[in-house]
Amino acid sequence: DVWVKVLDAETSQQEDGRIRTRLSLSMKYVHQDTGEDLDADGTQAGEDQRRRADRGGGRGRDGADGNFGDNIPSALEQSLNSNI
């Protein structure tokens, strides 16, 4: 098994009418033996993303500012976290 943390979930409607959901996942913030969330409040993930953005490497949501939704879980994230 592989444990992942949902960092962000973004839903958008495509030009052809299809709904697209993009998930940002990380194995880094989850203990791989137990599944324990190692960054429950999301502060470490946010700091890491801001550091990458400051260096000009990596990308934030849509290649932008490293904002992970201000650590407010989306309905999809809440659902995924409750079903894991």
PDB file of N, CA and C in Angstrom:
ATOM      1  N   ASP A   1       0.828  -1.185   0.000  1.00  0.00           N
ATOM      2  CA  ASP A   1       0.000   0.000   0.000  1.00  0.00           C
ATOM      3  C   ASP A   1       0.870   1.246   0.000  1.00  0.00           C
ATOM      4  N   VAL A   2       0.344   2.275  -0.590  1.00  0.00           N
ATOM      5  CA  VAL A   2       0.990   3.582  -0.590  1.00  0.00           C
ATOM      6  C   VAL A   2       0.000   4.572   0.007  1.00  0.00           C
ATOM      7  N   TRP A   3       0.461   5.328   0.990  1.00  0.00           N
ATOM      8  CA  TRP A   3      -0.358   6.350   1.629  1.00  0.00           C
ATOM      9  C   TRP A   3      -0.001   7.699   1.023  1.00  0.00           C
ATOM     10  N   VAL A   4      -1.024   8.511   0.719  1.00  0.00           N
ATOM     11  CA  VAL A   4      -0.802   9.851   0.205  1.00  0.00           C
ATOM     12  C   VAL A   4      -1.670  10.839   0.966  1.00  0.00           C
ATOM     13  N   LYS A   5      -1.227  12.078   0.972  1.00  0.00           N
ATOM     14  CA  LYS A   5      -2.003  13.170   1.558  1.00  0.00           C
ATOM     15  C   LYS A   5      -2.523  14.023   0.414  1.00  0.00           C
ATOM     16  N   VAL A   6      -3.793  14.370   0.457  1.00  0.00           N
ATOM     17  CA  VAL A   6      -4.376  15.268  -0.530  1.00  0.00           C
ATOM     18  C   VAL A   6      -4.019  16.690  -0.118  1.00  0.00           C
ATOM     19  N   LEU A   7      -3.202  17.356  -0.931  1.00  0.00           N
ATOM     20  CA  LEU A   7      -2.805  18.727  -0.640  1.00  0.00           C
ATOM     21  C   LEU A   7      -3.788  19.727  -1.222  1.00  0.00           C
ATOM     22  N   ASP A   8      -4.373  19.394  -2.363  1.00  0.00           N
ATOM     23  CA  ASP A   8      -5.289  20.313  -3.009  1.00  0.00           C
ATOM     24  C   ASP A   8      -6.162  19.533  -3.983  1.00  0.00           C
ATOM     25  N   ALA A   9      -7.370  19.999  -4.169  1.00  0.00           N
ATOM     26  CA  ALA A   9      -8.275  19.436  -5.172  1.00  0.00           C
ATOM     27  C   ALA A   9      -8.959  20.604  -5.869  1.00  0.00           C
ATOM     28  N   GLU A  10      -8.861  20.620  -7.180  1.00  0.00           N
ATOM     29  CA  GLU A  10      -9.430  21.722  -7.957  1.00  0.00           C
ATOM     30  C   GLU A  10     -10.296  21.148  -9.061  1.00  0.00           C
ATOM     31  N   THR A  11     -11.521  21.621  -9.142  1.00  0.00           N
ATOM     32  CA  THR A  11     -12.462  21.158 -10.158  1.00  0.00           C
ATOM     33  C   THR A  11     -12.741  22.294 -11.130  1.00  0.00           C
ATOM     34  N   SER A  12     -12.723  21.960 -12.413  1.00  0.00           N
ATOM     35  CA  SER A  12     -13.032  22.960 -13.433  1.00  0.00           C
ATOM     36  C   SER A  12     -13.815  22.296 -14.559  1.00  0.00           C
ATOM     37  N   GLN A  13     -14.571  23.099 -15.267  1.00  0.00           N
ATOM     38  CA  GLN A  13     -15.320  22.592 -16.408  1.00  0.00           C
ATOM     39  C   GLN A  13     -14.540  22.893 -17.675  1.00  0.00           C
ATOM     40  N   GLN A  14     -14.368  21.882 -18.506  1.00  0.00           N
ATOM     41  CA  GLN A  14     -13.646  22.020 -19.758  1.00  0.00           C
ATOM     42  C   GLN A  14     -14.550  22.647 -20.814  1.00  0.00           C
ATOM     43  N   GLU A  15     -13.946  23.094 -21.908  1.00  0.00           N
ATOM     44  CA  GLU A  15     -14.712  23.710 -22.994  1.00  0.00           C
ATOM     45  C   GLU A  15     -15.767  22.771 -23.565  1.00  0.00           C
ATOM     46  N   ASP A  16     -15.467  21.459 -23.555  1.00  0.00           N
ATOM     47  CA  ASP A  16     -16.426  20.494 -24.099  1.00  0.00           C
ATOM     48  C   ASP A  16     -17.482  20.080 -23.082  1.00  0.00           C
ATOM     49  N   GLY A  17     -17.486  20.728 -21.912  1.00  0.00           N
ATOM     50  CA  GLY A  17     -18.506  20.447 -20.900  1.00  0.00           C
ATOM     51  C   GLY A  17     -18.111  19.412 -19.863  1.00  0.00           C
ATOM     52  N   ARG A  18     -17.011  18.701 -20.092  1.00  0.00           N
ATOM     53  CA  ARG A  18     -16.580  17.702 -19.116  1.00  0.00           C
ATOM     54  C   ARG A  18     -16.046  18.389 -17.868  1.00  0.00           C
ATOM     55  N   ILE A  19     -16.214  17.728 -16.741  1.00  0.00           N
ATOM     56  CA  ILE A  19     -15.679  18.218 -15.477  1.00  0.00           C
ATOM     57  C   ILE A  19     -14.318  17.575 -15.250  1.00  0.00           C
ATOM     58  N   ARG A  20     -13.341  18.400 -14.879  1.00  0.00           N
ATOM     59  CA  ARG A  20     -11.983  17.905 -14.626  1.00  0.00           C
ATOM     60  C   ARG A  20     -11.613  18.215 -13.180  1.00  0.00           C
ATOM     61  N   THR A  21     -11.113  17.224 -12.473  1.00  0.00           N
ATOM     62  CA  THR A  21     -10.634  17.436 -11.103  1.00  0.00           C
ATOM     63  C   THR A  21      -9.156  17.117 -11.061  1.00  0.00           C
ATOM     64  N   ARG A  22      -8.361  18.089 -10.604  1.00  0.00           N
ATOM     65  CA  ARG A  22      -6.918  17.919 -10.458  1.00  0.00           C
ATOM     66  C   ARG A  22      -6.620  17.753  -8.977  1.00  0.00           C
ATOM     67  N   LEU A  23      -5.882  16.708  -8.661  1.00  0.00           N
ATOM     68  CA  LEU A  23      -5.493  16.460  -7.282  1.00  0.00           C
ATOM     69  C   LEU A  23      -3.996  16.678  -7.134  1.00  0.00           C
ATOM     70  N   SER A  24      -3.619  17.341  -6.054  1.00  0.00           N
ATOM     71  CA  SER A  24      -2.206  17.452  -5.685  1.00  0.00           C
ATOM     72  C   SER A  24      -2.002  16.507  -4.512  1.00  0.00           C
ATOM     73  N   LEU A  25      -1.143  15.509  -4.707  1.00  0.00           N
ATOM     74  CA  LEU A  25      -0.917  14.473  -3.702  1.00  0.00           C
ATOM     75  C   LEU A  25       0.538  14.468  -3.271  1.00  0.00           C
ATOM     76  N   SER A  26       0.783  14.019  -2.041  1.00  0.00           N
ATOM     77  CA  SER A  26       2.150  13.881  -1.566  1.00  0.00           C
ATOM     78  C   SER A  26       2.275  12.674  -0.662  1.00  0.00           C
ATOM     79  N   MET A  27       3.337  11.924  -0.858  1.00  0.00           N
ATOM     80  CA  MET A  27       3.666  10.810   0.045  1.00  0.00           C
ATOM     81  C   MET A  27       4.502  11.306   1.220  1.00  0.00           C
ATOM     82  N   LYS A  28       5.104  12.470   1.068  1.00  0.00           N
ATOM     83  CA  LYS A  28       6.061  12.989   2.045  1.00  0.00           C
ATOM     84  C   LYS A  28       5.449  13.200   3.429  1.00  0.00           C
ATOM     85  N   TYR A  29       4.198  13.573   3.496  1.00  0.00           N
ATOM     86  CA  TYR A  29       3.587  13.978   4.759  1.00  0.00           C
ATOM     87  C   TYR A  29       2.739  12.879   5.402  1.00  0.00           C
ATOM     88  N   VAL A  30       2.943  11.637   4.964  1.00  0.00           N
ATOM     89  CA  VAL A  30       2.197  10.513   5.522  1.00  0.00           C
ATOM     90  C   VAL A  30       3.179   9.400   5.878  1.00  0.00           C
ATOM     91  N   HIS A  31       3.077   8.891   7.108  1.00  0.00           N
ATOM     92  CA  HIS A  31       3.919   7.775   7.534  1.00  0.00           C
ATOM     93  C   HIS A  31       3.527   6.554   6.710  1.00  0.00           C
ATOM     94  N   GLN A  32       4.453   6.003   5.944  1.00  0.00           N
ATOM     95  CA  GLN A  32       4.137   4.945   4.993  1.00  0.00           C
ATOM     96  C   GLN A  32       3.831   3.602   5.641  1.00  0.00           C
ATOM     97  N   ASP A  33       4.216   3.393   6.893  1.00  0.00           N
ATOM     98  CA  ASP A  33       3.878   2.137   7.572  1.00  0.00           C
ATOM     99  C   ASP A  33       2.502   2.188   8.215  1.00  0.00           C
ATOM    100  N   THR A  34       2.140   3.340   8.779  1.00  0.00           N
ATOM    101  CA  THR A  34       0.902   3.437   9.561  1.00  0.00           C
ATOM    102  C   THR A  34      -0.195   4.251   8.892  1.00  0.00           C
ATOM    103  N   GLY A  35       0.153   5.089   7.926  1.00  0.00           N
ATOM    104  CA  GLY A  35      -0.827   5.963   7.305  1.00  0.00           C
ATOM    105  C   GLY A  35      -1.095   7.226   8.112  1.00  0.00           C
ATOM    106  N   GLU A  36      -0.333   7.442   9.183  1.00  0.00           N
ATOM    107  CA  GLU A  36      -0.524   8.614  10.036  1.00  0.00           C
ATOM    108  C   GLU A  36      -0.171   9.893   9.273  1.00  0.00           C
ATOM    109  N   ASP A  37      -1.032  10.898   9.398  1.00  0.00           N
ATOM    110  CA  ASP A  37      -0.795  12.198   8.775  1.00  0.00           C
ATOM    111  C   ASP A  37       0.281  12.915   9.577  1.00  0.00           C
ATOM    112  N   LEU A  38       1.425  13.172   8.965  1.00  0.00           N
ATOM    113  CA  LEU A  38       2.555  13.801   9.641  1.00  0.00           C
ATOM    114  C   LEU A  38       2.509  15.326   9.578  1.00  0.00           C
ATOM    115  N   ASP A  39       1.524  15.865   8.884  1.00  0.00           N
ATOM    116  CA  ASP A  39       1.383  17.318   8.737  1.00  0.00           C
ATOM    117  C   ASP A  39      -0.107  17.656   8.759  1.00  0.00           C
ATOM    118  N   ALA A  40      -0.747  17.347   9.887  1.00  0.00           N
ATOM    119  CA  ALA A  40      -2.206  17.435   9.968  1.00  0.00           C
ATOM    120  C   ALA A  40      -2.756  18.824   9.688  1.00  0.00           C
ATOM    121  N   ASP A  41      -2.036  19.870  10.065  1.00  0.00           N
ATOM    122  CA  ASP A  41      -2.547  21.220   9.830  1.00  0.00           C
ATOM    123  C   ASP A  41      -2.074  21.815   8.508  1.00  0.00           C
ATOM    124  N   GLY A  42      -1.251  21.097   7.754  1.00  0.00           N
ATOM    125  CA  GLY A  42      -0.816  21.532   6.430  1.00  0.00           C
ATOM    126  C   GLY A  42       0.262  22.596   6.426  1.00  0.00           C
ATOM    127  N   THR A  43       0.817  22.939   7.591  1.00  0.00           N
ATOM    128  CA  THR A  43       1.810  24.018   7.625  1.00  0.00           C
ATOM    129  C   THR A  43       3.096  23.637   6.910  1.00  0.00           C
ATOM    130  N   GLN A  44       3.565  22.422   7.085  1.00  0.00           N
ATOM    131  CA  GLN A  44       4.820  22.014   6.446  1.00  0.00           C
ATOM    132  C   GLN A  44       4.670  21.974   4.927  1.00  0.00           C
ATOM    133  N   ALA A  45       3.549  21.462   4.447  1.00  0.00           N
ATOM    134  CA  ALA A  45       3.315  21.417   3.000  1.00  0.00           C
ATOM    135  C   ALA A  45       3.279  22.826   2.423  1.00  0.00           C
ATOM    136  N   GLY A  46       2.614  23.747   3.115  1.00  0.00           N
ATOM    137  CA  GLY A  46       2.562  25.130   2.655  1.00  0.00           C
ATOM    138  C   GLY A  46       3.926  25.788   2.643  1.00  0.00           C
ATOM    139  N   GLU A  47       4.714  25.549   3.701  1.00  0.00           N
ATOM    140  CA  GLU A  47       6.068  26.112   3.759  1.00  0.00           C
ATOM    141  C   GLU A  47       6.952  25.557   2.649  1.00  0.00           C
ATOM    142  N   ASP A  48       6.866  24.253   2.427  1.00  0.00           N
ATOM    143  CA  ASP A  48       7.665  23.633   1.363  1.00  0.00           C
ATOM    144  C   ASP A  48       7.285  24.205   0.003  1.00  0.00           C
ATOM    145  N   GLN A  49       6.001  24.387  -0.244  1.00  0.00           N
ATOM    146  CA  GLN A  49       5.554  24.924  -1.532  1.00  0.00           C
ATOM    147  C   GLN A  49       6.022  26.368  -1.710  1.00  0.00           C
ATOM    148  N   ARG A  50       5.952  27.175  -0.659  1.00  0.00           N
ATOM    149  CA  ARG A  50       6.419  28.557  -0.752  1.00  0.00           C
ATOM    150  C   ARG A  50       7.920  28.611  -1.009  1.00  0.00           C
ATOM    151  N   ARG A  51       8.681  27.707  -0.368  1.00  0.00           N
ATOM    152  CA  ARG A  51      10.137  27.658  -0.599  1.00  0.00           C
ATOM    153  C   ARG A  51      10.441  27.326  -2.056  1.00  0.00           C
ATOM    154  N   ARG A  52       9.710  26.353  -2.607  1.00  0.00           N
ATOM    155  CA  ARG A  52       9.924  25.994  -4.014  1.00  0.00           C
ATOM    156  C   ARG A  52       9.579  27.168  -4.916  1.00  0.00           C
ATOM    157  N   ALA A  53       8.496  27.871  -4.619  1.00  0.00           N
ATOM    158  CA  ALA A  53       8.091  29.022  -5.439  1.00  0.00           C
ATOM    159  C   ALA A  53       9.130  30.137  -5.344  1.00  0.00           C
ATOM    160  N   ASP A  54       9.689  30.350  -4.148  1.00  0.00           N
ATOM    161  CA  ASP A  54      10.718  31.390  -3.972  1.00  0.00           C
ATOM    162  C   ASP A  54      11.978  31.077  -4.774  1.00  0.00           C
ATOM    163  N   ARG A  55      12.316  29.783  -4.894  1.00  0.00           N
ATOM    164  CA  ARG A  55      13.492  29.371  -5.667  1.00  0.00           C
ATOM    165  C   ARG A  55      13.203  29.357  -7.156  1.00  0.00           C
ATOM    166  N   GLY A  56      11.942  29.476  -7.509  1.00  0.00           N
ATOM    167  CA  GLY A  56      11.572  29.426  -8.919  1.00  0.00           C
ATOM    168  C   GLY A  56      11.417  28.007  -9.419  1.00  0.00           C
ATOM    169  N   GLY A  57      11.519  27.027  -8.539  1.00  0.00           N
ATOM    170  CA  GLY A  57      11.362  25.637  -8.931  1.00  0.00           C
ATOM    171  C   GLY A  57       9.993  25.128  -8.551  1.00  0.00           C
ATOM    172  N   GLY A  58       9.621  24.013  -9.134  1.00  0.00           N
ATOM    173  CA  GLY A  58       8.316  23.434  -8.834  1.00  0.00           C
ATOM    174  C   GLY A  58       7.216  24.344  -9.323  1.00  0.00           C
ATOM    175  N   ARG A  59       6.026  24.039  -8.901  1.00  0.00           N
ATOM    176  CA  ARG A  59       4.912  24.906  -9.256  1.00  0.00           C
ATOM    177  C   ARG A  59       3.841  24.782  -8.196  1.00  0.00           C
ATOM    178  N   GLY A  60       3.138  25.843  -8.009  1.00  0.00           N
ATOM    179  CA  GLY A  60       2.005  25.829  -7.102  1.00  0.00           C
ATOM    180  C   GLY A  60       0.775  25.409  -7.866  1.00  0.00           C
ATOM    181  N   ARG A  61      -0.348  25.569  -7.250  1.00  0.00           N
ATOM    182  CA  ARG A  61      -1.596  25.257  -7.921  1.00  0.00           C
ATOM    183  C   ARG A  61      -1.659  26.092  -9.184  1.00  0.00           C
ATOM    184  N   ASP A  62      -1.834  25.449 -10.317  1.00  0.00           N
ATOM    185  CA  ASP A  62      -1.847  26.089 -11.632  1.00  0.00           C
ATOM    186  C   ASP A  62      -0.570  26.862 -11.920  1.00  0.00           C
ATOM    187  N   GLY A  63       0.553  26.444 -11.297  1.00  0.00           N
ATOM    188  CA  GLY A  63       1.806  27.120 -11.535  1.00  0.00           C
ATOM    189  C   GLY A  63       1.880  28.464 -10.867  1.00  0.00           C
ATOM    190  N   ALA A  64       1.017  28.722  -9.902  1.00  0.00           N
ATOM    191  CA  ALA A  64       0.913  30.059  -9.317  1.00  0.00           C
ATOM    192  C   ALA A  64       1.693  30.195  -8.025  1.00  0.00           C
ATOM    193  N   ASP A  65       1.063  30.694  -7.006  1.00  0.00           N
ATOM    194  CA  ASP A  65       1.732  31.196  -5.815  1.00  0.00           C
ATOM    195  C   ASP A  65       1.985  30.184  -4.706  1.00  0.00           C
ATOM    196  N   GLY A  66       1.714  28.920  -4.910  1.00  0.00           N
ATOM    197  CA  GLY A  66       1.945  27.956  -3.836  1.00  0.00           C
ATOM    198  C   GLY A  66       0.822  27.915  -2.830  1.00  0.00           C
ATOM    199  N   ASN A  67      -0.313  28.492  -3.152  1.00  0.00           N
ATOM    200  CA  ASN A  67      -1.451  28.509  -2.244  1.00  0.00           C
ATOM    201  C   ASN A  67      -2.149  27.165  -2.295  1.00  0.00           C
ATOM    202  N   PHE A  68      -2.282  26.530  -1.155  1.00  0.00           N
ATOM    203  CA  PHE A  68      -2.994  25.261  -1.070  1.00  0.00           C
ATOM    204  C   PHE A  68      -4.379  25.485  -0.488  1.00  0.00           C
ATOM    205  N   GLY A  69      -5.060  26.514  -0.923  1.00  0.00           N
ATOM    206  CA  GLY A  69      -6.406  26.762  -0.454  1.00  0.00           C
ATOM    207  C   GLY A  69      -6.446  27.239   0.981  1.00  0.00           C
ATOM    208  N   ASP A  70      -5.370  27.872   1.444  1.00  0.00           N
ATOM    209  CA  ASP A  70      -5.297  28.383   2.815  1.00  0.00           C
ATOM    210  C   ASP A  70      -5.598  27.302   3.841  1.00  0.00           C
ATOM    211  N   ASN A  71      -5.238  26.063   3.529  1.00  0.00           N
ATOM    212  CA  ASN A  71      -5.415  24.920   4.428  1.00  0.00           C
ATOM    213  C   ASN A  71      -6.866  24.649   4.770  1.00  0.00           C
ATOM    214  N   ILE A  72      -7.795  25.110   3.939  1.00  0.00           N
ATOM    215  CA  ILE A  72      -9.202  24.798   4.126  1.00  0.00           C
ATOM    216  C   ILE A  72      -9.520  23.627   3.210  1.00  0.00           C
ATOM    217  N   PRO A  73      -9.841  22.462   3.789  1.00  0.00           N
ATOM    218  CA  PRO A  73     -10.064  21.288   2.942  1.00  0.00           C
ATOM    219  C   PRO A  73     -11.328  21.428   2.105  1.00  0.00           C
ATOM    220  N   SER A  74     -11.231  21.029   0.840  1.00  0.00           N
ATOM    221  CA  SER A  74     -12.387  21.036  -0.036  1.00  0.00           C
ATOM    222  C   SER A  74     -13.296  19.862   0.328  1.00  0.00           C
ATOM    223  N   ALA A  75     -14.492  19.859  -0.222  1.00  0.00           N
ATOM    224  CA  ALA A  75     -15.424  18.755   0.040  1.00  0.00           C
ATOM    225  C   ALA A  75     -14.829  17.439  -0.452  1.00  0.00           C
ATOM    226  N   LEU A  76     -14.144  17.464  -1.601  1.00  0.00           N
ATOM    227  CA  LEU A  76     -13.518  16.255  -2.125  1.00  0.00           C
ATOM    228  C   LEU A  76     -12.424  15.764  -1.181  1.00  0.00           C
ATOM    229  N   GLU A  77     -11.582  16.685  -0.709  1.00  0.00           N
ATOM    230  CA  GLU A  77     -10.519  16.308   0.211  1.00  0.00           C
ATOM    231  C   GLU A  77     -11.095  15.728   1.501  1.00  0.00           C
ATOM    232  N   GLN A  78     -12.135  16.335   2.039  1.00  0.00           N
ATOM    233  CA  GLN A  78     -12.754  15.813   3.252  1.00  0.00           C
ATOM    234  C   GLN A  78     -13.280  14.414   3.013  1.00  0.00           C
ATOM    235  N   SER A  79     -13.895  14.209   1.862  1.00  0.00           N
ATOM    236  CA  SER A  79     -14.443  12.893   1.535  1.00  0.00           C
ATOM    237  C   SER A  79     -13.334  11.863   1.389  1.00  0.00           C
ATOM    238  N   LEU A  80     -12.258  12.216   0.672  1.00  0.00           N
ATOM    239  CA  LEU A  80     -11.148  11.287   0.489  1.00  0.00           C
ATOM    240  C   LEU A  80     -10.481  10.965   1.823  1.00  0.00           C
ATOM    241  N   ASN A  81     -10.267  11.986   2.674  1.00  0.00           N
ATOM    242  CA  ASN A  81      -9.635  11.757   3.964  1.00  0.00           C
ATOM    243  C   ASN A  81     -10.487  10.891   4.874  1.00  0.00           C
ATOM    244  N   SER A  82     -11.804  11.033   4.796  1.00  0.00           N
ATOM    245  CA  SER A  82     -12.672  10.255   5.674  1.00  0.00           C
ATOM    246  C   SER A  82     -12.811   8.817   5.189  1.00  0.00           C
ATOM    247  N   ASN A  83     -12.486   8.563   3.925  1.00  0.00           N
ATOM    248  CA  ASN A  83     -12.627   7.216   3.378  1.00  0.00           C
ATOM    249  C   ASN A  83     -11.315   6.445   3.338  1.00  0.00           C
ATOM    250  N   ILE A  84     -10.256   7.037   3.830  1.00  0.00           N
ATOM    251  CA  ILE A  84      -8.950   6.376   3.793  1.00  0.00           C
ATOM    252  C   ILE A  84      -8.750   5.614   5.072  1.00  0.00           C
TER     253      ILE A  84
END
